[in-house]
Amino acid sequence: MILTAAHVLGDFLFQNDWLAKRKGQLPYLLLHGLIHALVAYLLYQAWTAWSLPVAIFVVHLAIDATKQRVAPDSARGFLLDQGAHLASLAGIGWLFTEQGWLPEFSGAGYIPMVVAAGFVATVLGAGYFIGKVAGRMKEENDLQIEGLLNGGAMIGNLERALIFLFLFINEPMGIGFLVAAKSILRFEEAKKQKLAEYVLIGTLLSFSTAIAIASATKWALGL
């Protein structure tokens, strides 16, 4: 779980758009891999286990380099990429533990690390995925969205942050108030069928991913 948390932080918190757009160039790809290796090393806190960050560095580079060549920049490509990374981390963790190359995690800082990673995945990770889905819908249906630049993305980030908070303070009823508030504010858009369907799909996708990731985070806290 710690390696998963490190991956989430490395991919969505410590990788900005500037770096993501340049990963097709070797120096920036190496920098990205180094960030992942360093975050995993710092979070796991096994200071003599240098082979762990080295393995993560090499495998992460291999997956990202492959993605640059074969995976499209789409929602499906994003899911395949993240699935490959998480599977590789599970494999590295299992192999290193079985071979005795990695000591058992001490547990120091486990809760704040998992909560931070869950929050980042809920707000930023899910936002990236939803942005890809929404972008494809806009392109395929030739939708003209009026409003603030990146306003929809900011609203989505805020609503998922609130959902994460409501679930962690055991107040899921607050999610219902969010739905009602958003419905009222989007009332005029609901009069146009294409735009209404676009907003509804985006909202349901945002809410469902936020609930799923926040729930998975609460489950992980008990491990």
C-alpha atoms as a PDB file:
ATOM      1  CA  MET A   1       0.000   0.000   0.000  1.00  0.00           C
ATOM      2  CA  ILE A   2       2.881   2.387   0.724  1.00  0.00           C
ATOM      3  CA  LEU A   3       4.277   1.861  -2.768  1.00  0.00           C
ATOM      4  CA  THR A   4       0.836   2.602  -4.209  1.00  0.00           C
ATOM      5  CA  ALA A   5       0.617   5.786  -2.149  1.00  0.00           C
ATOM      6  CA  ALA A   6       4.071   6.800  -3.372  1.00  0.00           C
ATOM      7  CA  HIS A   7       3.023   6.211  -6.980  1.00  0.00           C
ATOM      8  CA  VAL A   8      -0.112   8.339  -6.610  1.00  0.00           C
ATOM      9  CA  LEU A   9       1.845  11.211  -5.088  1.00  0.00           C
ATOM     10  CA  GLY A  10       4.577  10.926  -7.705  1.00  0.00           C
ATOM     11  CA  ASP A  11       2.189  10.838 -10.657  1.00  0.00           C
ATOM     12  CA  PHE A  12      -0.415  13.407  -9.627  1.00  0.00           C
ATOM     13  CA  LEU A  13       1.110  15.685  -6.994  1.00  0.00           C
ATOM     14  CA  PHE A  14       4.766  15.924  -8.039  1.00  0.00           C
ATOM     15  CA  GLN A  15       4.141  15.820 -11.799  1.00  0.00           C
ATOM     16  CA  ASN A  16       2.754  19.030 -13.262  1.00  0.00           C
ATOM     17  CA  ASP A  17       1.505  19.649 -16.797  1.00  0.00           C
ATOM     18  CA  TRP A  18       4.861  21.095 -17.813  1.00  0.00           C
ATOM     19  CA  LEU A  19       6.668  17.846 -16.992  1.00  0.00           C
ATOM     20  CA  ALA A  20       3.911  15.573 -18.287  1.00  0.00           C
ATOM     21  CA  LYS A  21       4.009  17.199 -21.730  1.00  0.00           C
ATOM     22  CA  ARG A  22       7.782  16.712 -21.987  1.00  0.00           C
ATOM     23  CA  LYS A  23       8.064  13.056 -20.953  1.00  0.00           C
ATOM     24  CA  GLY A  24       8.600  12.109 -24.564  1.00  0.00           C
ATOM     25  CA  GLN A  25      12.109  13.564 -24.165  1.00  0.00           C
ATOM     26  CA  LEU A  26      14.612  11.379 -22.344  1.00  0.00           C
ATOM     27  CA  PRO A  27      15.891  13.924 -19.759  1.00  0.00           C
ATOM     28  CA  TYR A  28      12.370  14.675 -18.539  1.00  0.00           C
ATOM     29  CA  LEU A  29      11.410  10.998 -18.559  1.00  0.00           C
ATOM     30  CA  LEU A  30      14.455  10.264 -16.398  1.00  0.00           C
ATOM     31  CA  LEU A  31      13.508  13.104 -14.043  1.00  0.00           C
ATOM     32  CA  HIS A  32       9.980  11.712 -13.710  1.00  0.00           C
ATOM     33  CA  GLY A  33      11.289   8.227 -12.942  1.00  0.00           C
ATOM     34  CA  LEU A  34      13.737   9.639 -10.406  1.00  0.00           C
ATOM     35  CA  ILE A  35      10.919  11.475  -8.619  1.00  0.00           C
ATOM     36  CA  HIS A  36       8.930   8.240  -8.324  1.00  0.00           C
ATOM     37  CA  ALA A  37      11.930   6.318  -7.005  1.00  0.00           C
ATOM     38  CA  LEU A  38      12.744   9.032  -4.470  1.00  0.00           C
ATOM     39  CA  VAL A  39       9.157   9.327  -3.191  1.00  0.00           C
ATOM     40  CA  ALA A  40       8.911   5.540  -2.756  1.00  0.00           C
ATOM     41  CA  TYR A  41      12.272   5.456  -0.943  1.00  0.00           C
ATOM     42  CA  LEU A  42      11.292   8.259   1.438  1.00  0.00           C
ATOM     43  CA  LEU A  43       7.845   6.861   2.219  1.00  0.00           C
ATOM     44  CA  TYR A  44       8.922   3.260   2.780  1.00  0.00           C
ATOM     45  CA  GLN A  45      11.786   4.386   5.049  1.00  0.00           C
ATOM     46  CA  ALA A  46      13.958   1.306   4.481  1.00  0.00           C
ATOM     47  CA  TRP A  47      17.130   3.376   4.219  1.00  0.00           C
ATOM     48  CA  THR A  48      19.499   0.491   3.368  1.00  0.00           C
ATOM     49  CA  ALA A  49      17.210  -1.068   0.712  1.00  0.00           C
ATOM     50  CA  TRP A  50      18.615   0.816  -2.288  1.00  0.00           C
ATOM     51  CA  SER A  51      17.447  -1.905  -4.659  1.00  0.00           C
ATOM     52  CA  LEU A  52      13.796  -0.882  -4.123  1.00  0.00           C
ATOM     53  CA  PRO A  53      14.005   2.650  -5.598  1.00  0.00           C
ATOM     54  CA  VAL A  54      16.312   1.362  -8.350  1.00  0.00           C
ATOM     55  CA  ALA A  55      13.765  -1.279  -9.365  1.00  0.00           C
ATOM     56  CA  ILE A  56      10.914   1.238  -9.282  1.00  0.00           C
ATOM     57  CA  PHE A  57      12.960   3.681 -11.349  1.00  0.00           C
ATOM     58  CA  VAL A  58      13.735   1.107 -14.056  1.00  0.00           C
ATOM     59  CA  VAL A  59      10.242  -0.408 -14.256  1.00  0.00           C
ATOM     60  CA  HIS A  60       8.496   2.960 -14.207  1.00  0.00           C
ATOM     61  CA  LEU A  61      10.691   4.222 -17.034  1.00  0.00           C
ATOM     62  CA  ALA A  62       9.976   1.108 -19.079  1.00  0.00           C
ATOM     63  CA  ILE A  63       6.205   1.477 -18.689  1.00  0.00           C
ATOM     64  CA  ASP A  64       6.185   5.200 -19.442  1.00  0.00           C
ATOM     65  CA  ALA A  65       8.499   4.799 -22.439  1.00  0.00           C
ATOM     66  CA  THR A  66       6.194   2.086 -23.806  1.00  0.00           C
ATOM     67  CA  LYS A  67       3.172   4.297 -23.273  1.00  0.00           C
ATOM     68  CA  GLN A  68       4.783   7.118 -25.212  1.00  0.00           C
ATOM     69  CA  ARG A  69       5.130   4.778 -28.183  1.00  0.00           C
ATOM     70  CA  VAL A  70       1.949   2.699 -28.210  1.00  0.00           C
ATOM     71  CA  ALA A  71      -0.710   4.055 -25.819  1.00  0.00           C
ATOM     72  CA  PRO A  72      -2.987   6.869 -27.018  1.00  0.00           C
ATOM     73  CA  ASP A  73      -3.494   9.955 -24.888  1.00  0.00           C
ATOM     74  CA  SER A  74      -7.016   8.947 -23.893  1.00  0.00           C
ATOM     75  CA  ALA A  75      -9.056   7.775 -20.920  1.00  0.00           C
ATOM     76  CA  ARG A  76      -8.432   4.143 -21.885  1.00  0.00           C
ATOM     77  CA  GLY A  77      -4.704   4.767 -22.290  1.00  0.00           C
ATOM     78  CA  PHE A  78      -4.662   6.401 -18.859  1.00  0.00           C
ATOM     79  CA  LEU A  79      -6.369   3.412 -17.221  1.00  0.00           C
ATOM     80  CA  LEU A  80      -4.043   0.934 -18.937  1.00  0.00           C
ATOM     81  CA  ASP A  81      -1.004   2.964 -17.895  1.00  0.00           C
ATOM     82  CA  GLN A  82      -2.104   3.218 -14.263  1.00  0.00           C
ATOM     83  CA  GLY A  83      -3.033  -0.465 -14.181  1.00  0.00           C
ATOM     84  CA  ALA A  84       0.411  -1.429 -15.473  1.00  0.00           C
ATOM     85  CA  HIS A  85       2.137   0.746 -12.871  1.00  0.00           C
ATOM     86  CA  LEU A  86       0.088  -0.611  -9.965  1.00  0.00           C
ATOM     87  CA  ALA A  87       0.565  -4.206 -11.105  1.00  0.00           C
ATOM     88  CA  SER A  88       4.322  -3.660 -11.389  1.00  0.00           C
ATOM     89  CA  LEU A  89       4.467  -2.196  -7.883  1.00  0.00           C
ATOM     90  CA  ALA A  90       2.536  -5.149  -6.494  1.00  0.00           C
ATOM     91  CA  GLY A  91       4.985  -7.475  -8.237  1.00  0.00           C
ATOM     92  CA  ILE A  92       8.040  -5.595  -6.959  1.00  0.00           C
ATOM     93  CA  GLY A  93       6.674  -5.552  -3.416  1.00  0.00           C
ATOM     94  CA  TRP A  94       5.901  -9.276  -3.478  1.00  0.00           C
ATOM     95  CA  LEU A  95       9.255 -10.260  -5.025  1.00  0.00           C
ATOM     96  CA  PHE A  96      11.349  -8.116  -2.704  1.00  0.00           C
ATOM     97  CA  THR A  97       9.471  -9.364   0.360  1.00  0.00           C
ATOM     98  CA  GLU A  98       9.676 -13.028  -0.680  1.00  0.00           C
ATOM     99  CA  GLN A  99      13.410 -12.768  -1.361  1.00  0.00           C
ATOM    100  CA  GLY A 100      14.086 -10.941   1.891  1.00  0.00           C
ATOM    101  CA  TRP A 101      15.431  -7.897   0.087  1.00  0.00           C
ATOM    102  CA  LEU A 102      12.987  -5.565   1.793  1.00  0.00           C
ATOM    103  CA  PRO A 103      12.336  -5.296   5.539  1.00  0.00           C
ATOM    104  CA  GLU A 104       8.786  -5.086   6.817  1.00  0.00           C
ATOM    105  CA  PHE A 105       7.362  -1.562   6.770  1.00  0.00           C
ATOM    106  CA  SER A 106       7.677   0.057  10.198  1.00  0.00           C
ATOM    107  CA  GLY A 107       4.252   1.672  10.046  1.00  0.00           C
ATOM    108  CA  ALA A 108       5.600   5.148  10.759  1.00  0.00           C
ATOM    109  CA  GLY A 109       3.383   7.782   9.158  1.00  0.00           C
ATOM    110  CA  TYR A 110       1.122   5.207   7.492  1.00  0.00           C
ATOM    111  CA  ILE A 111      -2.177   7.005   8.118  1.00  0.00           C
ATOM    112  CA  PRO A 112      -1.195  10.491   6.859  1.00  0.00           C
ATOM    113  CA  MET A 113       0.536   8.963   3.831  1.00  0.00           C
ATOM    114  CA  VAL A 114      -2.509   6.909   2.819  1.00  0.00           C
ATOM    115  CA  VAL A 115      -4.937   9.778   3.472  1.00  0.00           C
ATOM    116  CA  ALA A 116      -2.797  12.202   1.447  1.00  0.00           C
ATOM    117  CA  ALA A 117      -2.516   9.753  -1.441  1.00  0.00           C
ATOM    118  CA  GLY A 118      -6.248   9.020  -1.349  1.00  0.00           C
ATOM    119  CA  PHE A 119      -7.078  12.716  -1.410  1.00  0.00           C
ATOM    120  CA  VAL A 120      -4.705  13.377  -4.312  1.00  0.00           C
ATOM    121  CA  ALA A 121      -6.094  10.406  -6.257  1.00  0.00           C
ATOM    122  CA  THR A 122      -9.669  11.554  -5.611  1.00  0.00           C
ATOM    123  CA  VAL A 123      -9.137  15.166  -6.625  1.00  0.00           C
ATOM    124  CA  LEU A 124      -6.307  15.190  -9.172  1.00  0.00           C
ATOM    125  CA  GLY A 125      -6.077  11.614 -10.442  1.00  0.00           C
ATOM    126  CA  ALA A 126      -9.796  11.246 -11.031  1.00  0.00           C
ATOM    127  CA  GLY A 127      -9.854  14.764 -12.479  1.00  0.00           C
ATOM    128  CA  TYR A 128      -7.314  13.821 -15.130  1.00  0.00           C
ATOM    129  CA  PHE A 129      -9.330  10.757 -16.133  1.00  0.00           C
ATOM    130  CA  ILE A 130     -12.637  12.661 -16.227  1.00  0.00           C
ATOM    131  CA  GLY A 131     -10.995  15.411 -18.262  1.00  0.00           C
ATOM    132  CA  LYS A 132     -10.052  12.885 -20.933  1.00  0.00           C
ATOM    133  CA  VAL A 133     -13.608  11.488 -21.032  1.00  0.00           C
ATOM    134  CA  ALA A 134     -15.159  14.964 -21.160  1.00  0.00           C
ATOM    135  CA  GLY A 135     -12.725  16.152 -23.823  1.00  0.00           C
ATOM    136  CA  ARG A 136     -13.627  13.271 -26.109  1.00  0.00           C
ATOM    137  CA  MET A 137     -17.360  13.903 -25.645  1.00  0.00           C
ATOM    138  CA  LYS A 138     -16.929  17.589 -26.471  1.00  0.00           C
ATOM    139  CA  GLU A 139     -14.954  16.769 -29.599  1.00  0.00           C
ATOM    140  CA  GLU A 140     -17.292  14.045 -30.855  1.00  0.00           C
ATOM    141  CA  ASN A 141     -20.429  16.131 -30.301  1.00  0.00           C
ATOM    142  CA  ASP A 142     -18.954  19.512 -31.264  1.00  0.00           C
ATOM    143  CA  LEU A 143     -20.046  21.055 -27.977  1.00  0.00           C
ATOM    144  CA  GLN A 144     -19.338  24.720 -27.374  1.00  0.00           C
ATOM    145  CA  ILE A 145     -18.919  25.238 -23.639  1.00  0.00           C
ATOM    146  CA  GLU A 146     -19.157  28.821 -22.421  1.00  0.00           C
ATOM    147  CA  GLY A 147     -17.723  29.776 -19.077  1.00  0.00           C
ATOM    148  CA  LEU A 148     -14.505  30.431 -17.209  1.00  0.00           C
ATOM    149  CA  LEU A 149     -11.305  28.935 -18.539  1.00  0.00           C
ATOM    150  CA  ASN A 150     -10.876  25.581 -16.738  1.00  0.00           C
ATOM    151  CA  GLY A 151     -13.913  26.450 -14.626  1.00  0.00           C
ATOM    152  CA  GLY A 152     -15.469  23.016 -15.041  1.00  0.00           C
ATOM    153  CA  ALA A 153     -12.257  21.292 -13.968  1.00  0.00           C
ATOM    154  CA  MET A 154     -11.974  23.483 -10.885  1.00  0.00           C
ATOM    155  CA  ILE A 155     -15.585  22.776  -9.914  1.00  0.00           C
ATOM    156  CA  GLY A 156     -14.954  19.057 -10.341  1.00  0.00           C
ATOM    157  CA  ASN A 157     -11.847  19.196  -8.154  1.00  0.00           C
ATOM    158  CA  LEU A 158     -13.713  21.057  -5.423  1.00  0.00           C
ATOM    159  CA  GLU A 159     -16.721  18.742  -5.460  1.00  0.00           C
ATOM    160  CA  ARG A 160     -14.527  15.630  -5.229  1.00  0.00           C
ATOM    161  CA  ALA A 161     -12.551  17.199  -2.378  1.00  0.00           C
ATOM    162  CA  LEU A 162     -15.811  17.836  -0.526  1.00  0.00           C
ATOM    163  CA  ILE A 163     -17.022  14.268  -1.170  1.00  0.00           C
ATOM    164  CA  PHE A 164     -13.743  12.930   0.231  1.00  0.00           C
ATOM    165  CA  LEU A 165     -14.185  15.125   3.314  1.00  0.00           C
ATOM    166  CA  PHE A 166     -17.845  14.165   3.829  1.00  0.00           C
ATOM    167  CA  LEU A 167     -17.030  10.452   3.724  1.00  0.00           C
ATOM    168  CA  PHE A 168     -14.092  10.805   6.109  1.00  0.00           C
ATOM    169  CA  ILE A 169     -16.111  12.671   8.696  1.00  0.00           C
ATOM    170  CA  ASN A 170     -18.949  10.149   8.276  1.00  0.00           C
ATOM    171  CA  GLU A 171     -21.387  12.673   6.858  1.00  0.00           C
ATOM    172  CA  PRO A 172     -22.390  11.095   3.508  1.00  0.00           C
ATOM    173  CA  MET A 173     -25.643  13.082   3.537  1.00  0.00           C
ATOM    174  CA  GLY A 174     -23.561  16.085   2.544  1.00  0.00           C
ATOM    175  CA  ILE A 175     -23.100  14.513  -0.886  1.00  0.00           C
ATOM    176  CA  GLY A 176     -26.839  14.845  -1.438  1.00  0.00           C
ATOM    177  CA  PHE A 177     -26.638  18.584  -0.775  1.00  0.00           C
ATOM    178  CA  LEU A 178     -23.831  18.833  -3.327  1.00  0.00           C
ATOM    179  CA  VAL A 179     -25.996  17.129  -5.938  1.00  0.00           C
ATOM    180  CA  ALA A 180     -28.920  19.475  -5.177  1.00  0.00           C
ATOM    181  CA  ALA A 181     -26.734  22.588  -5.286  1.00  0.00           C
ATOM    182  CA  LYS A 182     -25.150  21.626  -8.571  1.00  0.00           C
ATOM    183  CA  SER A 183     -28.539  20.796 -10.096  1.00  0.00           C
ATOM    184  CA  ILE A 184     -29.848  24.257  -9.217  1.00  0.00           C
ATOM    185  CA  LEU A 185     -26.777  26.045 -10.579  1.00  0.00           C
ATOM    186  CA  ARG A 186     -26.896  24.022 -13.809  1.00  0.00           C
ATOM    187  CA  PHE A 187     -30.646  24.538 -14.311  1.00  0.00           C
ATOM    188  CA  GLU A 188     -30.342  26.645 -17.467  1.00  0.00           C
ATOM    189  CA  GLU A 189     -27.944  24.186 -19.088  1.00  0.00           C
ATOM    190  CA  ALA A 190     -30.448  21.383 -18.498  1.00  0.00           C
ATOM    191  CA  LYS A 191     -32.731  22.970 -21.101  1.00  0.00           C
ATOM    192  CA  LYS A 192     -30.305  21.937 -23.867  1.00  0.00           C
ATOM    193  CA  GLN A 193     -30.278  18.168 -24.275  1.00  0.00           C
ATOM    194  CA  LYS A 194     -26.701  17.630 -25.468  1.00  0.00           C
ATOM    195  CA  LEU A 195     -25.273  19.988 -22.887  1.00  0.00           C
ATOM    196  CA  ALA A 196     -27.468  18.542 -20.137  1.00  0.00           C
ATOM    197  CA  GLU A 197     -26.341  15.008 -20.944  1.00  0.00           C
ATOM    198  CA  TYR A 198     -22.706  16.121 -21.042  1.00  0.00           C
ATOM    199  CA  VAL A 199     -22.991  17.769 -17.606  1.00  0.00           C
ATOM    200  CA  LEU A 200     -24.903  14.791 -16.159  1.00  0.00           C
ATOM    201  CA  ILE A 201     -22.361  12.231 -17.381  1.00  0.00           C
ATOM    202  CA  GLY A 202     -19.471  14.316 -16.085  1.00  0.00           C
ATOM    203  CA  THR A 203     -21.152  14.859 -12.710  1.00  0.00           C
ATOM    204  CA  LEU A 204     -22.062  11.204 -12.203  1.00  0.00           C
ATOM    205  CA  LEU A 205     -18.574  10.116 -13.227  1.00  0.00           C
ATOM    206  CA  SER A 206     -16.991  12.649 -10.873  1.00  0.00           C
ATOM    207  CA  PHE A 207     -19.187  11.676  -7.923  1.00  0.00           C
ATOM    208  CA  SER A 208     -18.845   7.925  -8.462  1.00  0.00           C
ATOM    209  CA  THR A 209     -15.047   7.972  -8.806  1.00  0.00           C
ATOM    210  CA  ALA A 210     -14.721  10.215  -5.751  1.00  0.00           C
ATOM    211  CA  ILE A 211     -16.914   7.917  -3.649  1.00  0.00           C
ATOM    212  CA  ALA A 212     -15.068   4.821  -4.853  1.00  0.00           C
ATOM    213  CA  ILE A 213     -11.566   6.183  -4.195  1.00  0.00           C
ATOM    214  CA  ALA A 214     -12.509   7.723  -0.844  1.00  0.00           C
ATOM    215  CA  SER A 215     -14.086   4.432   0.249  1.00  0.00           C
ATOM    216  CA  ALA A 216     -11.002   2.498  -0.881  1.00  0.00           C
ATOM    217  CA  THR A 217      -8.833   4.918   1.119  1.00  0.00           C
ATOM    218  CA  LYS A 218     -10.857   4.320   4.275  1.00  0.00           C
ATOM    219  CA  TRP A 219     -10.508   0.575   3.719  1.00  0.00           C
ATOM    220  CA  ALA A 220      -6.738   0.906   3.234  1.00  0.00           C
ATOM    221  CA  LEU A 221      -6.387   2.684   6.573  1.00  0.00           C
ATOM    222  CA  GLY A 222      -7.295  -0.557   8.300  1.00  0.00           C
ATOM    223  CA  LEU A 223      -4.507  -2.577   6.650  1.00  0.00           C
END
